[in-house]
C-alpha atoms as a PDB file:
ATOM      1  CA  MET A   1       4.965 -35.152 -17.194  1.00  0.00           C
ATOM      2  CA  LYS A   2       1.491 -33.324 -15.942  1.00  0.00           C
ATOM      3  CA  LYS A   3       3.083 -33.837 -12.403  1.00  0.00           C
ATOM      4  CA  LEU A   4       6.202 -32.152 -12.914  1.00  0.00           C
ATOM      5  CA  SER A   5       4.843 -29.309 -14.729  1.00  0.00           C
ATOM      6  CA  PHE A   6       2.415 -28.494 -11.836  1.00  0.00           C
ATOM      7  CA  LEU A   7       4.773 -28.962  -9.460  1.00  0.00           C
ATOM      8  CA  LEU A   8       6.904 -26.671 -10.902  1.00  0.00           C
ATOM      9  CA  ILE A   9       4.347 -24.016 -11.328  1.00  0.00           C
ATOM     10  CA  ALA A  10       3.206 -24.420  -7.954  1.00  0.00           C
ATOM     11  CA  VAL A  11       6.843 -24.013  -6.784  1.00  0.00           C
ATOM     12  CA  MET A  12       7.255 -20.786  -9.017  1.00  0.00           C
ATOM     13  CA  ILE A  13       4.253 -19.322  -7.749  1.00  0.00           C
ATOM     14  CA  PHE A  14       5.387 -19.979  -4.098  1.00  0.00           C
ATOM     15  CA  SER A  15       8.676 -18.145  -4.592  1.00  0.00           C
ATOM     16  CA  VAL A  16       7.015 -14.975  -6.059  1.00  0.00           C
ATOM     17  CA  LEU A  17       4.488 -14.916  -3.319  1.00  0.00           C
ATOM     18  CA  LEU A  18       7.555 -15.346  -0.911  1.00  0.00           C
ATOM     19  CA  ILE A  19       9.674 -12.930  -2.719  1.00  0.00           C
ATOM     20  CA  THR A  20       6.645 -10.329  -2.423  1.00  0.00           C
ATOM     21  CA  VAL A  21       5.866 -10.614   1.265  1.00  0.00           C
ATOM     22  CA  TRP A  22       9.612 -10.303   1.645  1.00  0.00           C
ATOM     23  CA  MET A  23      10.195  -7.315  -0.082  1.00  0.00           C
ATOM     24  CA  LYS A  24       7.363  -5.646   2.185  1.00  0.00           C
ATOM     25  CA  MET A  25       8.996  -6.403   5.330  1.00  0.00           C
ATOM     26  CA  PRO A  26      11.940  -4.138   6.316  1.00  0.00           C
ATOM     27  CA  ASN A  27      15.096  -5.686   7.450  1.00  0.00           C
ATOM     28  CA  GLN A  28      16.717  -5.273  11.345  1.00  0.00           C
ATOM     29  CA  GLU A  29      18.777  -2.218  10.019  1.00  0.00           C
ATOM     30  CA  GLU A  30      15.524  -0.510   8.318  1.00  0.00           C
ATOM     31  CA  LYS A  31      13.670  -1.241  11.228  1.00  0.00           C
ATOM     32  CA  ALA A  32      16.138   0.509  13.594  1.00  0.00           C
ATOM     33  CA  SER A  33      16.335   3.446  11.222  1.00  0.00           C
ATOM     34  CA  HIS A  34      12.327   3.599  11.213  1.00  0.00           C
ATOM     35  CA  LYS A  35      12.381   3.649  14.973  1.00  0.00           C
ATOM     36  CA  ALA A  36      15.048   6.056  15.545  1.00  0.00           C
ATOM     37  CA  THR A  37      13.254   8.680  12.908  1.00  0.00           C
ATOM     38  CA  LEU A  38      10.365   8.049  15.181  1.00  0.00           C
ATOM     39  CA  CYS A  39      11.957   8.851  18.063  1.00  0.00           C
ATOM     40  CA  ASN A  40      13.740  11.866  16.840  1.00  0.00           C
ATOM     41  CA  VAL A  41      10.344  13.577  15.336  1.00  0.00           C
ATOM     42  CA  MET A  42       8.574  12.952  18.649  1.00  0.00           C
ATOM     43  CA  ARG A  43      11.591  14.357  20.721  1.00  0.00           C
ATOM     44  CA  ASP A  44      11.425  17.458  18.035  1.00  0.00           C
ATOM     45  CA  ASN A  45       7.768  17.853  17.950  1.00  0.00           C
ATOM     46  CA  PRO A  46       6.317  17.480  21.621  1.00  0.00           C
ATOM     47  CA  LYS A  47       2.781  18.434  20.589  1.00  0.00           C
ATOM     48  CA  LEU A  48       1.963  15.863  17.893  1.00  0.00           C
ATOM     49  CA  LYS A  49      -0.562  13.507  19.044  1.00  0.00           C
ATOM     50  CA  GLN A  50      -2.586  12.431  15.914  1.00  0.00           C
ATOM     51  CA  GLU A  51      -1.389   9.771  13.984  1.00  0.00           C
ATOM     52  CA  ASP A  52      -1.770  11.202  10.400  1.00  0.00           C
ATOM     53  CA  GLN A  53       0.413  14.236  11.664  1.00  0.00           C
ATOM     54  CA  ILE A  54       3.146  12.063  13.081  1.00  0.00           C
ATOM     55  CA  PHE A  55       2.963   9.750  10.106  1.00  0.00           C
ATOM     56  CA  GLU A  56       3.465  12.963   7.804  1.00  0.00           C
ATOM     57  CA  GLN A  57       6.616  14.432   9.897  1.00  0.00           C
ATOM     58  CA  VAL A  58       8.288  10.616   9.882  1.00  0.00           C
ATOM     59  CA  GLU A  59       7.836  10.172   6.527  1.00  0.00           C
ATOM     60  CA  PHE A  60       9.256  13.883   5.774  1.00  0.00           C
ATOM     61  CA  MET A  61      12.267  13.649   7.911  1.00  0.00           C
ATOM     62  CA  TYR A  62      13.003   9.782   6.909  1.00  0.00           C
ATOM     63  CA  GLY A  63      12.911  10.848   3.083  1.00  0.00           C
ATOM     64  CA  ASN A  64      14.954  14.026   3.560  1.00  0.00           C
ATOM     65  CA  SER A  65      17.566  12.350   5.980  1.00  0.00           C
ATOM     66  CA  THR A  66      19.508  10.881   2.413  1.00  0.00           C
ATOM     67  CA  PRO A  67      21.218  13.281   0.316  1.00  0.00           C
ATOM     68  CA  SER A  68      19.453  13.476  -3.172  1.00  0.00           C
ATOM     69  CA  TYR A  69      22.777  12.676  -5.020  1.00  0.00           C
ATOM     70  CA  ALA A  70      22.764   9.347  -2.871  1.00  0.00           C
ATOM     71  CA  TYR A  71      23.410   6.152  -5.041  1.00  0.00           C
ATOM     72  CA  LYS A  72      20.666   4.119  -2.920  1.00  0.00           C
ATOM     73  CA  LYS A  73      18.105   5.742  -1.105  1.00  0.00           C
ATOM     74  CA  PRO A  74      16.657   3.596   1.750  1.00  0.00           C
ATOM     75  CA  LYS A  75      13.125   2.409   1.467  1.00  0.00           C
ATOM     76  CA  PHE A  76      10.210   3.856   3.482  1.00  0.00           C
ATOM     77  CA  TYR A  77       7.749   0.969   4.954  1.00  0.00           C
ATOM     78  CA  ASP A  78       4.534   2.947   5.339  1.00  0.00           C
ATOM     79  CA  ALA A  79       2.871  -0.100   7.251  1.00  0.00           C
ATOM     80  CA  TYR A  80       5.865  -0.501   9.454  1.00  0.00           C
ATOM     81  CA  ALA A  81       5.986   3.413  10.426  1.00  0.00           C
ATOM     82  CA  ARG A  82       2.377   3.161  11.235  1.00  0.00           C
ATOM     83  CA  GLU A  83       2.820   0.363  13.465  1.00  0.00           C
ATOM     84  CA  LEU A  84       5.573   1.972  15.517  1.00  0.00           C
ATOM     85  CA  ILE A  85       3.315   5.433  15.588  1.00  0.00           C
ATOM     86  CA  GLN A  86       0.499   3.026  17.068  1.00  0.00           C
ATOM     87  CA  GLN A  87       2.853   1.496  19.478  1.00  0.00           C
ATOM     88  CA  PHE A  88       3.924   4.877  20.967  1.00  0.00           C
ATOM     89  CA  LEU A  89       0.735   6.190  21.001  1.00  0.00           C
ATOM     90  CA  ALA A  90      -0.366   3.307  23.236  1.00  0.00           C
ATOM     91  CA  LEU A  91       2.452   4.269  25.900  1.00  0.00           C
ATOM     92  CA  SER A  92       0.796   5.817  28.797  1.00  0.00           C
ATOM     93  CA  GLU A  93       1.147   9.564  29.100  1.00  0.00           C
ATOM     94  CA  GLN A  94       3.741   9.426  31.422  1.00  0.00           C
ATOM     95  CA  GLN A  95       5.621   6.741  29.410  1.00  0.00           C
ATOM     96  CA  GLN A  96       4.867   8.943  26.297  1.00  0.00           C
ATOM     97  CA  ALA A  97       6.744  12.369  28.356  1.00  0.00           C
ATOM     98  CA  VAL A  98       9.668   9.809  29.219  1.00  0.00           C
ATOM     99  CA  ALA A  99      10.229   8.611  25.704  1.00  0.00           C
ATOM    100  CA  ARG A 100      10.079  12.275  24.211  1.00  0.00           C
ATOM    101  CA  LYS A 101      12.612  13.081  26.499  1.00  0.00           C
ATOM    102  CA  ASP A 102      14.961  10.168  26.251  1.00  0.00           C
ATOM    103  CA  TYR A 103      15.765   8.699  23.094  1.00  0.00           C
ATOM    104  CA  ARG A 104      16.805   5.461  24.386  1.00  0.00           C
ATOM    105  CA  GLN A 105      13.373   4.930  26.159  1.00  0.00           C
ATOM    106  CA  CYS A 106      11.861   5.993  23.220  1.00  0.00           C
ATOM    107  CA  PHE A 107      13.628   3.435  21.091  1.00  0.00           C
ATOM    108  CA  ASP A 108      13.373   0.615  23.669  1.00  0.00           C
ATOM    109  CA  HIS A 109       9.633   1.041  24.277  1.00  0.00           C
ATOM    110  CA  LEU A 110       8.788   0.428  19.954  1.00  0.00           C
ATOM    111  CA  ASP A 111       8.775  -3.071  18.675  1.00  0.00           C
END
């Protein structure tokens, strides 16, 4: 009986941890939305070079791209957005210049 209780508690704890991790990770649609937002920010603000400034703009644009009356607002994943920004900033100056002008190139360089 004690083994069964222990096993049941272990499975429940594992399930909670799995769900917690799963909720912090964006799905493919959300990833695409984050990439698109970053590419739009970089195209509209070519002088942005610092991670924190870029992050503020991405967060602002992502949050304001859905009307306030929308039934379901998309979740913004801070860590994933920062990861994408770091990927963009890791590109060479030439690659960044091309990515800032060409949306498709920007999208393809990320993730």
